């Protein structure tokens, strides 16, 4: 299997777009899915799980024609409280 330069650049662009979308919606997603792994593809949430392995398996099953490597995946922990004394 040969991967050409254009394919690699396209996957990098897609990964960046997914990461940017997740960053722009992080606060909203953190409220909706606290302490969960969230996967974003094509600027939409495509999976939410408590643990990473089931999320990866879900991506591979539900998006078989898309490499999971272009998904933006992040654990959205509840915000930590900062105490100022």
Protein backbone atom coordinates (compact mmCIF):
# COMPACT_ATOMS: atom_id res chain seq x y z
CA UNK A 1 0.00 0.00 0.00
CA UNK A 2 1.44 3.34 -1.06
CA UNK A 3 0.39 6.55 0.60
CA UNK A 4 1.06 9.68 -1.36
CA UNK A 5 1.89 13.16 -0.15
CA UNK A 6 -1.59 14.55 -0.94
CA UNK A 7 -3.27 11.84 1.11
CA UNK A 8 -1.03 12.55 4.08
CA UNK A 9 -1.63 16.30 3.86
CA UNK A 10 -5.38 15.75 3.59
CA UNK A 11 -5.38 13.57 6.71
CA UNK A 12 -3.37 16.19 8.57
CA UNK A 13 -5.90 18.87 7.56
CA UNK A 14 -8.81 16.68 8.68
CA UNK A 15 -7.13 15.94 12.02
CA UNK A 16 -6.50 19.66 12.56
CA UNK A 17 -10.12 20.56 11.69
CA UNK A 18 -11.40 17.96 14.17
CA UNK A 19 -9.01 19.20 16.88
CA UNK A 20 -10.03 22.82 16.25
CA UNK A 21 -13.74 21.94 16.44
CA UNK A 22 -13.23 20.05 19.69
CA UNK A 23 -11.28 22.99 21.15
CA UNK A 24 -14.02 25.46 20.17
CA UNK A 25 -16.71 23.29 21.78
CA UNK A 26 -14.70 21.98 24.73
CA UNK A 27 -16.71 23.78 27.46
CA UNK A 28 -20.04 22.60 26.08
CA UNK A 29 -18.77 19.06 25.58
CA UNK A 30 -17.28 18.97 29.08
CA UNK A 31 -20.71 19.86 30.51
CA UNK A 32 -22.46 17.21 28.39
CA UNK A 33 -19.86 14.45 28.78
CA UNK A 34 -17.95 14.99 32.04
CA UNK A 35 -15.15 12.52 32.71
CA UNK A 36 -15.61 10.79 29.36
CA UNK A 37 -13.51 10.26 26.26
CA UNK A 38 -15.04 12.06 23.29
CA UNK A 39 -14.23 11.40 19.62
CA UNK A 40 -14.87 14.01 16.92
CA UNK A 41 -14.87 13.31 13.18
CA UNK A 42 -15.96 15.73 10.47
CA UNK A 43 -16.77 18.31 13.13
CA UNK A 44 -19.27 16.17 15.02
CA UNK A 45 -19.17 13.92 18.05
CA UNK A 46 -19.11 10.31 16.85
CA UNK A 47 -18.43 8.52 20.11
CA UNK A 48 -18.41 8.94 23.88
CA UNK A 49 -17.10 6.33 26.33
CA UNK A 50 -15.76 6.10 29.87
CA UNK A 51 -12.68 4.22 28.68
CA UNK A 52 -10.44 4.65 25.66
CA UNK A 53 -10.32 1.06 24.27
CA UNK A 54 -14.12 0.79 23.81
CA UNK A 55 -14.14 4.19 22.11
CA UNK A 56 -11.43 3.13 19.68
CA UNK A 57 -13.27 -0.14 18.96
CA UNK A 58 -16.46 1.81 18.33
CA UNK A 59 -14.71 4.15 15.90
CA UNK A 60 -13.24 1.22 13.99
CA UNK A 61 -16.64 -0.48 13.79
CA UNK A 62 -18.84 2.53 12.98
CA UNK A 63 -16.37 4.34 10.70
CA UNK A 64 -14.55 1.51 8.91
CA UNK A 65 -13.49 3.67 5.95
CA UNK A 66 -11.94 6.36 8.15
CA UNK A 67 -8.67 6.05 10.03
CA UNK A 68 -9.17 6.65 13.76
CA UNK A 69 -5.94 8.65 13.64
CA UNK A 70 -7.74 11.62 12.08
CA UNK A 71 -10.30 11.77 14.88
CA UNK A 72 -9.87 14.27 17.66
CA UNK A 73 -10.07 12.26 20.87
CA UNK A 74 -9.81 13.78 24.30
CA UNK A 75 -10.72 12.97 27.89
CA UNK A 76 -12.98 15.76 29.15
CA UNK A 77 -12.36 15.84 32.86
CA UNK A 78 -14.56 17.93 35.07
CA UNK A 79 -12.93 21.26 35.76
CA UNK A 80 -10.76 21.26 38.85
CA UNK A 81 -11.57 23.76 41.52
CA UNK A 82 -8.88 26.28 42.27
CA UNK A 83 -8.85 27.58 45.80
CA UNK A 84 -7.51 31.07 46.33
CA UNK A 85 -6.68 31.83 49.94
